[in-house]
Protein backbone atom coordinates (compact mmCIF):
# COMPACT_ATOMS: atom_id res chain seq x y z
CA UNK A 1 -4.97 -29.61 -4.48
CA UNK A 2 -5.39 -27.44 -1.53
CA UNK A 3 -7.15 -24.00 -1.71
CA UNK A 4 -5.37 -20.73 -1.10
CA UNK A 5 -6.27 -17.25 -0.17
CA UNK A 6 -5.21 -14.29 -1.23
CA UNK A 7 -4.02 -11.87 1.29
CA UNK A 8 -3.77 -8.02 1.63
CA UNK A 9 -0.71 -6.69 3.42
CA UNK A 10 0.15 -3.16 4.54
CA UNK A 11 0.49 0.04 2.28
CA UNK A 12 3.41 1.87 1.36
CA UNK A 13 4.57 5.32 2.08
CA UNK A 14 6.29 7.66 -0.11
CA UNK A 15 8.87 10.76 -0.14
CA UNK A 16 8.91 13.79 -2.43
CA UNK A 17 8.78 17.51 -2.89
CA UNK A 18 5.46 19.35 -2.54
CA UNK A 19 3.15 19.88 -5.01
CA UNK A 20 1.30 23.39 -5.39
CA UNK A 21 -1.49 22.12 -3.72
CA UNK A 22 0.62 21.76 -0.29
CA UNK A 23 0.27 17.89 -0.43
CA UNK A 24 3.77 16.26 -0.87
CA UNK A 25 4.49 14.75 -4.40
CA UNK A 26 5.44 11.79 -2.21
CA UNK A 27 3.30 12.62 0.58
CA UNK A 28 6.25 12.68 3.17
CA UNK A 29 4.51 13.89 6.48
CA UNK A 30 6.87 13.20 9.05
CA UNK A 31 10.40 12.70 8.51
CA UNK A 32 11.92 9.15 8.45
CA UNK A 33 14.13 8.08 11.55
CA UNK A 34 17.59 8.70 11.81
CA UNK A 35 20.30 7.69 9.16
CA UNK A 36 17.61 6.65 6.37
CA UNK A 37 15.99 3.97 8.08
CA UNK A 38 13.70 1.60 5.55
CA UNK A 39 15.81 2.80 2.70
CA UNK A 40 19.08 0.82 2.81
CA UNK A 41 21.25 3.50 5.05
CA UNK A 42 22.18 0.91 7.64
CA UNK A 43 22.05 -2.46 6.39
CA UNK A 44 19.37 -5.15 7.04
CA UNK A 45 18.72 -3.79 10.75
CA UNK A 46 18.23 -0.46 12.06
CA UNK A 47 21.19 1.67 13.22
CA UNK A 48 21.52 1.91 17.05
CA UNK A 49 20.15 5.67 16.99
CA UNK A 50 17.38 4.39 14.74
CA UNK A 51 16.32 1.39 16.80
CA UNK A 52 16.26 3.18 19.91
CA UNK A 53 14.12 5.86 18.61
CA UNK A 54 11.81 3.25 16.91
CA UNK A 55 11.51 1.21 20.28
CA UNK A 56 10.47 4.25 22.50
CA UNK A 57 8.00 5.59 20.07
CA UNK A 58 6.38 2.08 19.66
CA UNK A 59 6.68 1.45 23.47
CA UNK A 60 5.15 5.05 23.98
CA UNK A 61 1.97 3.88 22.12
CA UNK A 62 1.75 0.49 22.00
CA UNK A 63 2.65 -0.44 25.52
CA UNK A 64 4.09 -4.25 26.14
CA UNK A 65 5.03 -3.95 22.27
CA UNK A 66 8.06 -6.43 21.49
CA UNK A 67 10.00 -5.97 18.12
CA UNK A 68 11.99 -8.16 16.14
CA UNK A 69 13.88 -7.86 13.01
CA UNK A 70 13.25 -5.63 10.05
CA UNK A 71 10.79 -7.39 7.45
CA UNK A 72 11.37 -7.78 3.59
CA UNK A 73 9.22 -5.78 1.03
CA UNK A 74 9.17 -2.25 2.65
CA UNK A 75 10.97 -0.59 -0.13
CA UNK A 76 10.20 3.07 1.51
CA UNK A 77 9.33 2.40 4.81
CA UNK A 78 10.74 0.52 8.10
CA UNK A 79 8.68 -2.20 8.28
CA UNK A 80 9.14 -4.52 11.79
CA UNK A 81 8.28 -7.89 12.80
CA UNK A 82 6.50 -7.12 16.32
CA UNK A 83 4.31 -8.97 19.00
CA UNK A 84 1.44 -7.06 20.93
CA UNK A 85 -0.18 -8.88 23.66
CA UNK A 86 0.77 -12.25 22.22
CA UNK A 87 -0.32 -11.25 18.86
CA UNK A 88 2.07 -11.49 15.88
CA UNK A 89 1.88 -8.16 14.09
CA UNK A 90 3.81 -5.78 11.84
CA UNK A 91 4.81 -2.36 12.71
CA UNK A 92 5.32 0.11 9.96
CA UNK A 93 6.37 3.71 9.60
CA UNK A 94 4.37 5.48 7.07
CA UNK A 95 5.87 8.32 5.08
CA UNK A 96 2.04 9.27 3.99
CA UNK A 97 0.19 12.68 4.97
CA UNK A 98 -2.47 11.98 7.55
CA UNK A 99 -5.50 11.96 5.37
CA UNK A 100 -3.98 9.59 2.72
CA UNK A 101 -3.06 7.16 5.68
CA UNK A 102 -6.32 7.57 7.18
CA UNK A 103 -7.83 6.86 3.61
CA UNK A 104 -6.04 3.52 3.53
CA UNK A 105 -6.87 2.31 6.97
CA UNK A 106 -10.80 3.15 6.20
CA UNK A 107 -10.48 1.30 2.85
CA UNK A 108 -8.55 -1.56 4.78
CA UNK A 109 -11.44 -1.80 7.08
CA UNK A 110 -14.20 -1.70 4.74
CA UNK A 111 -12.41 -4.64 2.70
CA UNK A 112 -12.61 -6.49 5.89
CA UNK A 113 -16.23 -5.95 6.27
CA UNK A 114 -16.26 -6.97 2.60
CA UNK A 115 -14.86 -10.55 3.26
CA UNK A 116 -11.25 -9.96 2.12
CA UNK A 117 -8.40 -11.04 4.17
CA UNK A 118 -6.86 -7.79 5.44
CA UNK A 119 -4.87 -7.10 8.58
CA UNK A 120 -6.30 -5.81 11.33
CA UNK A 121 -5.19 -2.41 12.71
CA UNK A 122 -4.44 -2.60 16.34
CA UNK A 123 -5.06 0.82 18.23
CA UNK A 124 -2.84 2.57 20.01
CA UNK A 125 -3.14 3.19 23.89
CA UNK A 126 -5.29 6.17 23.04
CA UNK A 127 -7.37 4.41 20.48
CA UNK A 128 -6.13 6.12 17.42
CA UNK A 129 -5.15 3.70 14.59
CA UNK A 130 -1.68 5.33 13.96
CA UNK A 131 0.66 7.61 16.09
CA UNK A 132 3.66 9.53 15.15
CA UNK A 133 3.73 7.85 11.51
CA UNK A 134 3.50 4.30 12.92
CA UNK A 135 1.03 1.77 12.33
CA UNK A 136 0.45 -1.54 13.75
CA UNK A 137 -1.22 -4.22 12.23
CA UNK A 138 -1.68 -7.92 12.54
CA UNK A 139 0.81 -9.89 10.43
CA UNK A 140 -0.64 -12.16 7.89
CA UNK A 141 2.04 -15.21 6.64
CA UNK A 142 1.78 -16.76 3.32
CA UNK A 143 3.89 -17.30 0.01
CA UNK A 144 4.06 -15.45 -3.37
CA UNK A 145 2.10 -16.86 -6.21
CA UNK A 146 3.65 -20.14 -7.22
CA UNK A 147 1.66 -21.36 -10.38
CA UNK A 148 -1.02 -20.22 -12.75
CA UNK A 149 -3.56 -21.39 -10.60
CA UNK A 150 -2.47 -18.98 -7.86
CA UNK A 151 -2.33 -15.88 -10.57
CA UNK A 152 -5.83 -16.69 -11.88
CA UNK A 153 -7.07 -16.62 -7.89
CA UNK A 154 -5.39 -13.15 -7.52
CA UNK A 155 -7.05 -11.85 -11.03
CA UNK A 156 -10.22 -13.03 -9.38
CA UNK A 157 -9.62 -11.14 -6.18
CA UNK A 158 -8.52 -7.97 -8.23
CA UNK A 159 -11.96 -8.31 -9.86
CA UNK A 160 -13.67 -8.55 -6.82
CA UNK A 161 -11.88 -5.87 -5.27
CA UNK A 162 -12.99 -3.40 -8.20
CA UNK A 163 -16.60 -4.43 -8.06
CA UNK A 164 -16.38 -3.41 -4.01
CA UNK A 165 -15.05 -0.27 -4.26
CA UNK A 166 -16.98 1.29 -7.04
CA UNK A 167 -17.48 5.00 -5.81
CA UNK A 168 -15.01 4.74 -3.01
CA UNK A 169 -13.18 8.40 -2.68
CA UNK A 170 -10.03 9.39 -4.18
CA UNK A 171 -6.99 9.21 -2.20
CA UNK A 172 -6.09 12.63 -0.74
CA UNK A 173 -3.17 14.12 -2.70
CA UNK A 174 -3.61 11.63 -5.77
CA UNK A 175 -4.71 12.44 -9.36
CA UNK A 176 -6.76 10.43 -11.25
CA UNK A 177 -6.33 9.10 -14.86
CA UNK A 178 -8.35 11.53 -16.03
CA UNK A 179 -6.64 14.24 -14.17
CA UNK A 180 -3.44 13.12 -15.22
CA UNK A 181 -4.26 13.40 -19.13
CA UNK A 182 -3.70 17.32 -18.30
CA UNK A 183 -1.74 17.43 -14.99
CA UNK A 184 1.79 16.19 -14.29
CA UNK A 185 1.92 15.28 -10.49
CA UNK A 186 -0.58 13.25 -8.56
CA UNK A 187 0.60 10.70 -5.61
CA UNK A 188 3.63 8.87 -6.62
CA UNK A 189 3.12 9.69 -10.18
CA UNK A 190 5.54 12.41 -11.52
CA UNK A 191 5.00 13.02 -15.12
CA UNK A 192 7.12 15.87 -15.21
CA UNK A 193 10.13 13.66 -14.43
CA UNK A 194 9.60 11.53 -17.46
CA UNK A 195 10.31 11.91 -21.11
CA UNK A 196 7.57 13.68 -23.05
CA UNK A 197 7.23 11.01 -25.57
CA UNK A 198 6.81 8.34 -22.92
CA UNK A 199 4.07 10.79 -21.29
CA UNK A 200 2.45 10.89 -24.28
CA UNK A 201 2.28 6.98 -24.58
CA UNK A 202 1.39 6.87 -21.26
CA UNK A 203 -1.91 9.33 -21.29
CA UNK A 204 -2.90 7.62 -24.89
CA UNK A 205 -3.04 4.45 -22.77
CA UNK A 206 -4.80 6.05 -19.81
CA UNK A 207 -7.49 8.17 -22.33
CA UNK A 208 -10.09 5.11 -22.64
CA UNK A 209 -10.08 4.15 -18.72
CA UNK A 210 -11.40 7.83 -18.16
CA UNK A 211 -15.03 6.74 -18.78
CA UNK A 212 -14.83 3.46 -16.95
CA UNK A 213 -16.41 3.08 -13.49
CA UNK A 214 -13.97 3.95 -10.71
CA UNK A 215 -12.90 1.94 -8.23
CA UNK A 216 -9.92 1.49 -5.75
CA UNK A 217 -6.95 -0.24 -7.33
CA UNK A 218 -3.69 -1.74 -6.35
CA UNK A 219 -0.89 0.20 -7.50
CA UNK A 220 1.73 -2.71 -7.74
CA UNK A 221 0.15 -6.10 -7.67
CA UNK A 222 3.39 -7.72 -8.49
CA UNK A 223 4.55 -11.18 -6.94
CA UNK A 224 6.53 -9.45 -4.11
CA UNK A 225 3.20 -7.65 -2.96
CA UNK A 226 0.99 -10.70 -2.60
CA UNK A 227 0.68 -13.39 -0.21
CA UNK A 228 -0.94 -16.95 -0.36
CA UNK A 229 -2.18 -18.81 2.34
CA UNK A 230 -3.32 -22.04 2.46
CA UNK A 231 -6.92 -22.90 3.52
CA UNK A 232 -10.12 -23.19 2.29
CA UNK A 233 -13.18 -21.18 1.51
CA UNK A 234 -13.29 -17.74 0.17
CA UNK A 235 -10.04 -16.03 -1.04
CA UNK A 236 -9.00 -12.68 0.24
CA UNK A 237 -7.00 -10.11 -1.59
CA UNK A 238 -3.83 -9.03 -2.04
CA UNK A 239 -1.08 -6.32 -1.40
CA UNK A 240 1.83 -4.06 -0.06
CA UNK A 241 0.22 -1.35 -1.77
CA UNK A 242 -3.60 -0.74 -1.66
CA UNK A 243 -2.75 2.27 -3.74
CA UNK A 244 -5.64 4.63 -4.73
CA UNK A 245 -8.95 4.82 -6.39
CA UNK A 246 -8.98 4.17 -10.20
CA UNK A 247 -10.53 2.93 -13.16
CA UNK A 248 -9.95 -1.04 -13.74
CA UNK A 249 -8.84 -1.55 -17.52
CA UNK A 250 -10.40 -4.00 -19.50
CA UNK A 251 -10.77 -7.62 -18.38
CA UNK A 252 -10.59 -6.18 -14.68
CA UNK A 253 -6.53 -5.62 -15.23
CA UNK A 254 -5.42 -3.21 -12.80
CA UNK A 255 -3.43 -0.19 -14.45
CA UNK A 256 0.15 -0.17 -13.72
CA UNK A 257 0.05 -4.09 -12.87
CA UNK A 258 3.86 -4.70 -12.41
CA UNK A 259 5.44 -5.71 -15.83
CA UNK A 260 3.08 -3.29 -17.90
CA UNK A 261 5.77 -0.54 -18.24
CA UNK A 262 3.37 1.97 -17.30
CA UNK A 263 3.18 3.83 -14.08
CA UNK A 264 -0.48 3.44 -12.20
CA UNK A 265 -2.78 5.92 -12.58
CA UNK A 266 -5.36 6.48 -9.94
CA UNK A 267 -9.09 8.42 -10.31
């Protein structure tokens, strides 16, 4: 039986109203492209205006980039297959505020240095890691977890992630498990839109986590956000949403694992 590696993909953006702190609840820093690109407004392919806009912006900052079809899995953002200098890549339109996006890219660089399999950011022509809301990264290929052994490997990578990121700073505009015990908004979490009984149950579940060591947690480690790549050696990690700093639950489980029934909370 061949070994597999667990890969990190890109992070997601978000859309929402602004909070009292000045950060958007969903951190939309720049408007999405015309006609709701990335939100299914024009079918599986961007409409003409949006496609032209994407090609123009990306060509300005990544000369020679060749765009392909939209990729599945980008529930909040437009994600396009691309080639840059012969390298297979992904171009992603992020809706995050700049400090939040910088946090994500810093985290991916740190994880790469720690031996995790993460996409490499391809800088724009002026050396920046992102430009006008766009990020271009090397493309990771693989398949979703398929069996118990794959999921055990995923769990191991989550535990390794938590250990490697202890002390990592909180994502800008996000709230912690501890903070969410008393505040109602943080990043993608909107407790003010939830029934009071559900909020009470969430806070009761989060309360014991507030005293645990904090580190980065994956906001949604479900099958659609994880790639298993053939190959030997050490495993990497997962993701389409390396979401925030948080406190892993007992046994290394990430708060907010898909299927938990609770929104993820950072710290």
